[in-house]
Amino acid sequence: MLLVDGWPGVVTGTLEEAERAARVVLALLGAHLVGEVRAQLAACLPEEFALILLNPLQSAEPLPPKRFVRATAAWIEGATEQTVTWDVSAVLSTVADTVGDDLLRQILLQLPAGYDLLFGRPQPT
């Protein structure tokens, strides 16, 4: 387990790689969330990550989970789809642990189907 700016998460590699993964994932996630849900999530994060979430990368449309992973890989030098899948899941499962079930449900309502698996919280279908 790595502690990235006071935020525990399971990410392999160096601290710099873990921070980069967290920044990219949160920037892309922020593009998918709006309003109070994004603000509530930001309030749960360390300041550096909250600012990233609140100033997200732009997305023309909500990305399905596979495209979200591919988009993350495009922003991380040397990443493969497999390594980025681990990184995305590590960051998002840490988000899930941090925010609790109620806010996580609200987050998942704003995302395309399938993100529950990336958050490590499979939902009944």
Foldseek 3Di string as FASTA:
>chain_A
DDQQVNQDWDADDDSVLLVLLLLLLLLLLLQQDDDPLLVLLLVLDDVVSSVSSPNHDHDPDADDPQVSLVSSQVSDPPDDSVNSLVSQLRNLLSSDVRRDDPSVVVSVVSHDPDCCVSNVHDDDD
